[in-house]
Amino acid sequence: MVVRAQPSPRGQVVYRDGSRRFYCSVGDMVLALQEPSSRGKPTAIFVEALDPGIDPAVTQTTEGRWIPAPQAAFVLGVKRRGVMGPPTVAYANTDAAQQVAKQHGGSVHGWNQLVEQIVSGAAKR
C-alpha cells in the first residue's frame, strides 16, 4: 500500500533516531502505537488537518498541513470510507471539528479521548 495514495488525513510518527513512519489513517496509527516498537517511544506524532469547509465524506489524497496530534481535534462517527482503523477525521482546532460534527454528525474528541475510544473498541470501523 502506498500511504500517500490513501485519503487524508494520514498520520506520521517520528522516533528518537529521526526516522518517520507514515500511516494511511489516523485510526490505524492509533492502533499501531499500542504495540511495542523496536525504534522505542515516539518523540512526535502528527496528523494532517482537514479543511472544515469540505464534506468529510469526500476523500482526497492531496497532502494536508501536518500538525502535532495532541493539538488536533478529531471527529469520530462521520460517514466516510475508512482505510484502516475506524474512520477518523482531524482538524486544526476544536471549533473546526465542532463545525464539522454539527453539519455531518459525529462526536468531537481530543487526542487522549480519541486514543481511548479507538483502543477500547468504542469507535466502530
Protein backbone atom coordinates (compact mmCIF):
# COMPACT_ATOMS: atom_id res chain seq x y z
CA MET A 1 0.00 0.00 0.00
CA VAL A 2 1.26 3.44 -0.90
CA VAL A 3 0.37 5.69 2.02
CA ARG A 4 0.30 8.96 0.04
CA ALA A 5 -2.25 7.38 -2.33
CA GLN A 6 -4.71 6.92 0.54
CA PRO A 7 -7.23 9.60 1.51
CA SER A 8 -6.20 12.18 4.06
CA PRO A 9 -5.99 12.65 6.97
CA ARG A 10 -3.00 10.38 7.42
CA GLY A 11 -0.64 10.08 10.35
CA GLN A 12 3.08 10.06 10.97
CA VAL A 13 5.25 9.11 13.91
CA VAL A 14 8.78 10.44 14.46
CA TYR A 15 11.20 8.36 16.52
CA ARG A 16 14.25 9.46 18.51
CA ASP A 17 16.63 8.36 15.74
CA GLY A 18 14.83 10.76 13.35
CA SER A 19 13.13 8.02 11.38
CA ARG A 20 9.48 8.50 10.43
CA ARG A 21 6.69 6.04 9.95
CA PHE A 22 3.66 7.07 7.91
CA TYR A 23 0.16 5.63 8.33
CA CYS A 24 -2.70 5.54 5.86
CA SER A 25 -5.18 6.69 8.51
CA VAL A 26 -5.31 8.21 11.97
CA GLY A 27 -7.20 5.17 13.33
CA ASP A 28 -4.55 2.79 12.01
CA MET A 29 -1.79 4.90 13.55
CA VAL A 30 -3.50 4.92 16.96
CA LEU A 31 -3.77 1.12 16.90
CA ALA A 32 -0.14 0.73 15.78
CA LEU A 33 1.06 2.97 18.62
CA GLN A 34 -0.32 0.44 21.11
CA GLU A 35 2.28 -2.11 20.01
CA PRO A 36 5.92 -2.05 21.16
CA SER A 37 8.34 -0.64 18.60
CA SER A 38 11.96 -1.60 18.06
CA ARG A 39 12.53 2.14 17.50
CA GLY A 40 11.42 2.96 21.04
CA LYS A 41 8.86 5.55 22.05
CA PRO A 42 7.90 8.22 19.55
CA THR A 43 9.25 11.73 20.03
CA ALA A 44 6.43 13.29 17.96
CA ILE A 45 3.09 12.25 16.44
CA PHE A 46 1.47 14.23 13.62
CA VAL A 47 -1.82 14.18 11.72
CA GLU A 48 -3.00 16.03 8.64
CA ALA A 49 -5.57 18.71 9.41
CA LEU A 50 -8.53 18.77 7.04
CA ASP A 51 -10.31 21.90 5.86
CA PRO A 52 -13.57 22.14 7.86
CA GLY A 53 -15.37 23.59 4.82
CA ILE A 54 -15.06 20.31 2.91
CA ASP A 55 -17.53 17.46 3.43
CA PRO A 56 -15.60 14.74 5.32
CA ALA A 57 -17.26 12.05 3.16
CA VAL A 58 -15.37 13.45 0.17
CA THR A 59 -11.97 11.80 0.21
CA GLN A 60 -8.88 13.33 -1.33
CA THR A 61 -5.23 12.41 -1.47
CA THR A 62 -3.85 15.96 -1.51
CA GLU A 63 -1.38 16.33 1.34
CA GLY A 64 -2.72 18.48 4.15
CA ARG A 65 -0.97 20.57 6.78
CA TRP A 66 0.74 18.37 9.37
CA ILE A 67 0.05 19.33 12.98
CA PRO A 68 1.00 17.70 16.29
CA ALA A 69 -1.67 15.09 17.09
CA PRO A 70 -2.11 16.26 20.72
CA GLN A 71 -3.06 19.74 19.41
CA ALA A 72 -5.61 18.45 16.88
CA ALA A 73 -9.34 17.88 17.36
CA PHE A 74 -10.87 14.72 15.92
CA VAL A 75 -14.33 13.73 14.75
CA LEU A 76 -15.47 10.13 15.03
CA GLY A 77 -18.71 8.83 13.59
CA VAL A 78 -18.91 10.70 10.30
CA LYS A 79 -19.90 8.74 7.21
CA ARG A 80 -16.62 8.21 5.44
CA ARG A 81 -14.88 5.45 3.57
CA GLY A 82 -12.29 4.14 6.00
CA VAL A 83 -8.88 2.87 5.03
CA MET A 84 -7.63 1.04 8.12
CA GLY A 85 -8.90 1.55 11.63
CA PRO A 86 -12.05 3.50 12.48
CA PRO A 87 -12.77 6.42 10.12
CA THR A 88 -11.35 9.45 11.91
CA VAL A 89 -11.04 12.99 10.63
CA ALA A 90 -8.64 15.54 12.10
CA TYR A 91 -8.89 19.32 12.32
CA ALA A 92 -6.55 22.07 13.47
CA ASN A 93 -8.78 23.08 16.38
CA THR A 94 -11.91 22.22 18.35
CA ASP A 95 -14.03 24.92 16.71
CA ALA A 96 -13.40 23.42 13.27
CA ALA A 97 -14.14 19.90 14.50
CA GLN A 98 -17.36 21.05 16.19
CA GLN A 99 -18.46 22.78 12.99
CA VAL A 100 -17.98 19.52 11.05
CA ALA A 101 -19.71 17.39 13.70
CA LYS A 102 -22.67 19.78 13.73
CA GLN A 103 -23.04 19.63 9.94
CA HIS A 104 -22.17 15.98 9.30
CA GLY A 105 -22.69 14.18 12.60
CA GLY A 106 -20.15 12.51 14.79
CA SER A 107 -18.51 13.36 18.09
CA VAL A 108 -15.52 15.60 18.82
CA HIS A 109 -12.53 14.27 20.76
CA GLY A 110 -9.11 15.44 21.83
CA TRP A 111 -6.09 13.19 21.25
CA ASN A 112 -6.27 11.29 24.55
CA GLN A 113 -10.03 10.76 24.21
CA LEU A 114 -9.56 9.57 20.64
CA VAL A 115 -6.95 7.02 21.69
CA GLU A 116 -9.26 5.73 24.46
CA GLN A 117 -12.19 5.40 22.05
CA ILE A 118 -10.21 3.51 19.44
CA VAL A 119 -8.27 1.25 21.82
CA SER A 120 -11.41 0.33 23.80
CA GLY A 121 -13.23 -0.56 20.60
CA ALA A 122 -15.89 2.09 21.18
CA ALA A 123 -15.01 3.65 17.80
CA LYS A 124 -16.51 1.39 15.14
CA ARG A 125 -14.99 0.68 11.75
